[in-house]
Protein backbone atom coordinates (compact mmCIF):
# COMPACT_ATOMS: atom_id res chain seq x y z
CA UNK A 1 230.48 161.18 200.98
CA UNK A 2 226.86 160.65 200.05
CA UNK A 3 225.58 161.18 196.57
CA UNK A 4 223.32 164.02 197.67
CA UNK A 5 226.26 165.92 199.14
CA UNK A 6 228.33 165.41 195.99
CA UNK A 7 225.43 166.69 193.91
CA UNK A 8 225.05 169.76 196.15
CA UNK A 9 228.80 170.51 195.96
CA UNK A 10 228.72 170.16 192.18
CA UNK A 11 225.69 172.43 191.99
CA UNK A 12 227.42 175.04 194.22
CA UNK A 13 230.54 174.88 192.04
CA UNK A 14 228.47 175.36 188.87
CA UNK A 15 226.58 178.32 190.37
CA UNK A 16 229.80 179.96 191.60
CA UNK A 17 231.40 179.40 188.18
CA UNK A 18 228.44 181.07 186.47
CA UNK A 19 228.57 184.02 188.89
CA UNK A 20 232.33 184.35 188.30
CA UNK A 21 231.94 184.27 184.51
CA UNK A 22 229.19 186.91 184.55
CA UNK A 23 231.13 189.17 186.91
CA UNK A 24 234.24 188.95 184.71
CA UNK A 25 232.26 189.71 181.56
CA UNK A 26 230.48 192.69 183.08
CA UNK A 27 233.34 194.28 185.02
CA UNK A 28 236.06 196.27 183.26
CA UNK A 29 239.51 194.79 183.05
CA UNK A 30 242.45 196.72 184.43
CA UNK A 31 244.10 196.71 181.01
CA UNK A 32 241.29 198.71 179.41
CA UNK A 33 241.60 202.48 179.11
CA UNK A 34 239.41 204.43 181.47
CA UNK A 35 236.52 206.21 179.82
CA UNK A 36 236.81 209.97 179.40
CA UNK A 37 234.84 211.89 182.00
CA UNK A 38 232.21 214.34 180.89
CA UNK A 39 233.71 217.74 180.10
CA UNK A 40 237.32 216.52 180.11
CA UNK A 41 239.59 218.02 177.46
CA UNK A 42 241.64 216.08 174.94
CA UNK A 43 245.20 216.96 174.06
CA UNK A 44 246.90 216.94 170.65
CA UNK A 45 250.70 217.21 170.90
CA UNK A 46 253.22 217.84 168.10
CA UNK A 47 256.99 218.23 168.57
CA UNK A 48 259.09 220.16 166.04
CA UNK A 49 262.89 220.36 165.75
CA UNK A 50 263.95 224.02 165.71
CA UNK A 51 266.48 225.00 163.06
CA UNK A 52 269.04 227.76 163.50
CA UNK A 53 267.88 231.30 162.68
CA UNK A 54 269.46 234.72 163.15
CA UNK A 55 269.34 238.43 162.32
CA UNK A 56 272.28 240.84 162.28
CA UNK A 57 270.91 243.82 164.24
CA UNK A 58 268.33 244.21 166.99
CA UNK A 59 266.83 247.42 168.39
CA UNK A 60 264.01 248.30 170.80
CA UNK A 61 261.29 247.47 168.23
CA UNK A 62 259.98 243.89 168.00
CA UNK A 63 261.53 242.23 164.93
CA UNK A 64 260.87 238.77 163.55
CA UNK A 65 263.93 236.60 164.15
CA UNK A 66 262.84 233.33 162.50
CA UNK A 67 259.96 230.97 161.83
CA UNK A 68 259.94 228.04 164.26
CA UNK A 69 257.27 225.73 162.79
CA UNK A 70 253.95 225.49 160.98
CA UNK A 71 251.26 223.61 162.90
CA UNK A 72 247.57 222.77 162.47
CA UNK A 73 244.74 223.73 164.82
CA UNK A 74 241.84 221.24 164.90
CA UNK A 75 239.20 223.44 166.56
CA UNK A 76 238.76 227.20 166.83
CA UNK A 77 237.64 226.63 170.45
CA UNK A 78 241.02 225.13 171.40
CA UNK A 79 243.62 226.62 173.71
CA UNK A 80 247.06 226.25 172.10
CA UNK A 81 250.15 226.01 174.30
CA UNK A 82 253.60 226.56 172.76
CA UNK A 83 256.70 225.47 174.66
CA UNK A 84 260.13 226.44 173.36
CA UNK A 85 263.10 224.62 174.85
CA UNK A 86 266.37 225.61 173.24
CA UNK A 87 269.14 228.15 173.01
CA UNK A 88 269.07 231.89 172.36
CA UNK A 89 272.06 234.11 171.63
CA UNK A 90 273.11 237.78 171.46
CA UNK A 91 276.70 238.41 170.27
CA UNK A 92 276.99 241.79 172.04
CA UNK A 93 275.03 244.79 173.26
CA UNK A 94 275.76 248.47 172.65
CA UNK A 95 275.37 250.82 175.61
CA UNK A 96 272.98 251.41 177.38
CA UNK A 97 271.13 248.26 176.30
CA UNK A 98 271.53 245.45 178.78
CA UNK A 99 268.61 243.10 178.04
CA UNK A 100 267.17 241.39 174.99
CA UNK A 101 263.73 239.81 174.97
CA UNK A 102 262.81 236.78 172.87
CA UNK A 103 259.08 236.24 172.27
CA UNK A 104 257.10 233.44 170.61
CA UNK A 105 254.22 234.51 168.40
CA UNK A 106 251.57 232.80 166.30
CA UNK A 107 250.87 234.29 162.87
CA UNK A 108 252.90 237.34 163.95
CA UNK A 109 250.64 238.07 166.94
CA UNK A 110 251.75 238.02 170.58
CA UNK A 111 249.87 235.98 173.15
CA UNK A 112 246.87 237.68 174.71
CA UNK A 113 247.16 235.38 177.75
CA UNK A 114 250.27 236.62 179.56
CA UNK A 115 253.57 236.76 177.72
CA UNK A 116 255.56 234.11 175.91
CA UNK A 117 259.02 235.52 176.59
CA UNK A 118 262.54 234.82 177.75
CA UNK A 119 265.24 237.42 178.42
CA UNK A 120 268.98 237.49 177.98
CA UNK A 121 271.16 240.03 179.81
CA UNK A 122 274.47 241.67 178.91
CA UNK A 123 276.12 239.27 181.38
CA UNK A 124 275.16 236.47 178.97
CA UNK A 125 276.21 238.13 175.72
CA UNK A 126 278.33 235.95 173.47
CA UNK A 127 276.96 232.80 175.11
CA UNK A 128 274.45 230.29 173.82
CA UNK A 129 271.91 230.36 176.69
CA UNK A 130 269.49 227.49 177.26
CA UNK A 131 265.93 228.71 177.94
CA UNK A 132 262.51 227.14 178.23
CA UNK A 133 259.35 229.22 178.12
CA UNK A 134 255.66 228.79 177.40
CA UNK A 135 253.00 230.81 175.60
CA UNK A 136 249.23 230.34 175.57
CA UNK A 137 247.15 231.27 172.53
CA UNK A 138 243.37 231.24 172.14
CA UNK A 139 240.99 232.21 169.36
CA UNK A 140 243.07 230.63 166.59
CA UNK A 141 241.01 229.51 163.61
CA UNK A 142 241.00 225.90 162.40
CA UNK A 143 243.80 225.18 159.96
CA UNK A 144 247.46 226.00 159.47
CA UNK A 145 249.34 228.52 161.65
CA UNK A 146 252.94 229.71 161.88
CA UNK A 147 254.90 229.91 165.14
CA UNK A 148 257.78 232.37 165.07
CA UNK A 149 260.40 233.92 167.37
CA UNK A 150 260.67 237.69 167.70
CA UNK A 151 263.35 239.76 169.47
CA UNK A 152 263.95 243.28 170.78
CA UNK A 153 266.25 245.06 173.22
CA UNK A 154 265.19 247.09 176.24
CA UNK A 155 266.97 250.14 174.75
CA UNK A 156 269.67 250.88 172.17
CA UNK A 157 270.88 248.01 169.94
CA UNK A 158 272.48 244.59 169.95
CA UNK A 159 274.42 242.72 167.31
CA UNK A 160 273.59 239.24 166.03
CA UNK A 161 270.56 237.66 167.68
CA UNK A 162 270.00 233.94 167.12
CA UNK A 163 267.85 230.95 168.02
CA UNK A 164 269.68 227.61 168.18
CA UNK A 165 272.90 229.29 167.01
CA UNK A 166 274.88 226.06 166.63
CA UNK A 167 271.97 224.04 165.19
CA UNK A 168 271.72 221.63 168.10
CA UNK A 169 269.40 218.68 167.54
CA UNK A 170 267.91 219.07 171.03
CA UNK A 171 266.19 222.45 170.49
CA UNK A 172 262.44 221.88 170.11
CA UNK A 173 259.07 223.57 169.90
CA UNK A 174 256.23 221.60 171.49
CA UNK A 175 252.71 222.51 170.37
CA UNK A 176 249.93 221.31 172.68
CA UNK A 177 246.39 221.86 171.49
CA UNK A 178 243.92 221.56 174.37
CA UNK A 179 240.80 220.47 172.50
CA UNK A 180 237.31 221.15 173.86
CA UNK A 181 235.21 218.14 174.88
CA UNK A 182 233.69 216.32 171.92
CA UNK A 183 236.41 217.19 169.40
CA UNK A 184 238.53 214.33 168.13
CA UNK A 185 241.73 214.31 166.13
CA UNK A 186 244.01 211.88 164.35
CA UNK A 187 247.37 211.72 166.16
CA UNK A 188 250.29 212.63 163.92
CA UNK A 189 254.04 212.50 164.34
CA UNK A 190 255.92 215.40 162.77
CA UNK A 191 259.68 215.43 162.50
């Protein structure tokens, strides 16, 4: 091969190497996290173990059964989603009551976006029934809030209502705070 051809090949290799280096430096790598799109929401998630809680008598008026967890809201513009996955229990119903309702609340107030409820019928009395239900809460101020479980019957009374009656380690409350764009938070693990 002539010297001029070798020089041209070397020059082409150098130019291609420079182009490759610049393209690698300027293009994102697949291992980098994608940037957040404008207007996208962030999510803060906390998982709480739910301890056993019970009350002896239930009637057709909403009654607080137990506190589930205390959580922190980072922005008053957030939408807070509570997900309870665990067991509920009614020992027995008196006639004519045939249904008990379990409802999650925040600071003693029911959700204004739908309901956050599960029901248990007289066919399930005396059984620890696994349920999973969700509640959405908006307008909560920044700071500490209390999630609780409330219970009532459709009519008449029931005896011994409980959440996580055997204190299973798998019963949880998941709190998801859907933060508005521009709000940041420090992730935290709560056990």
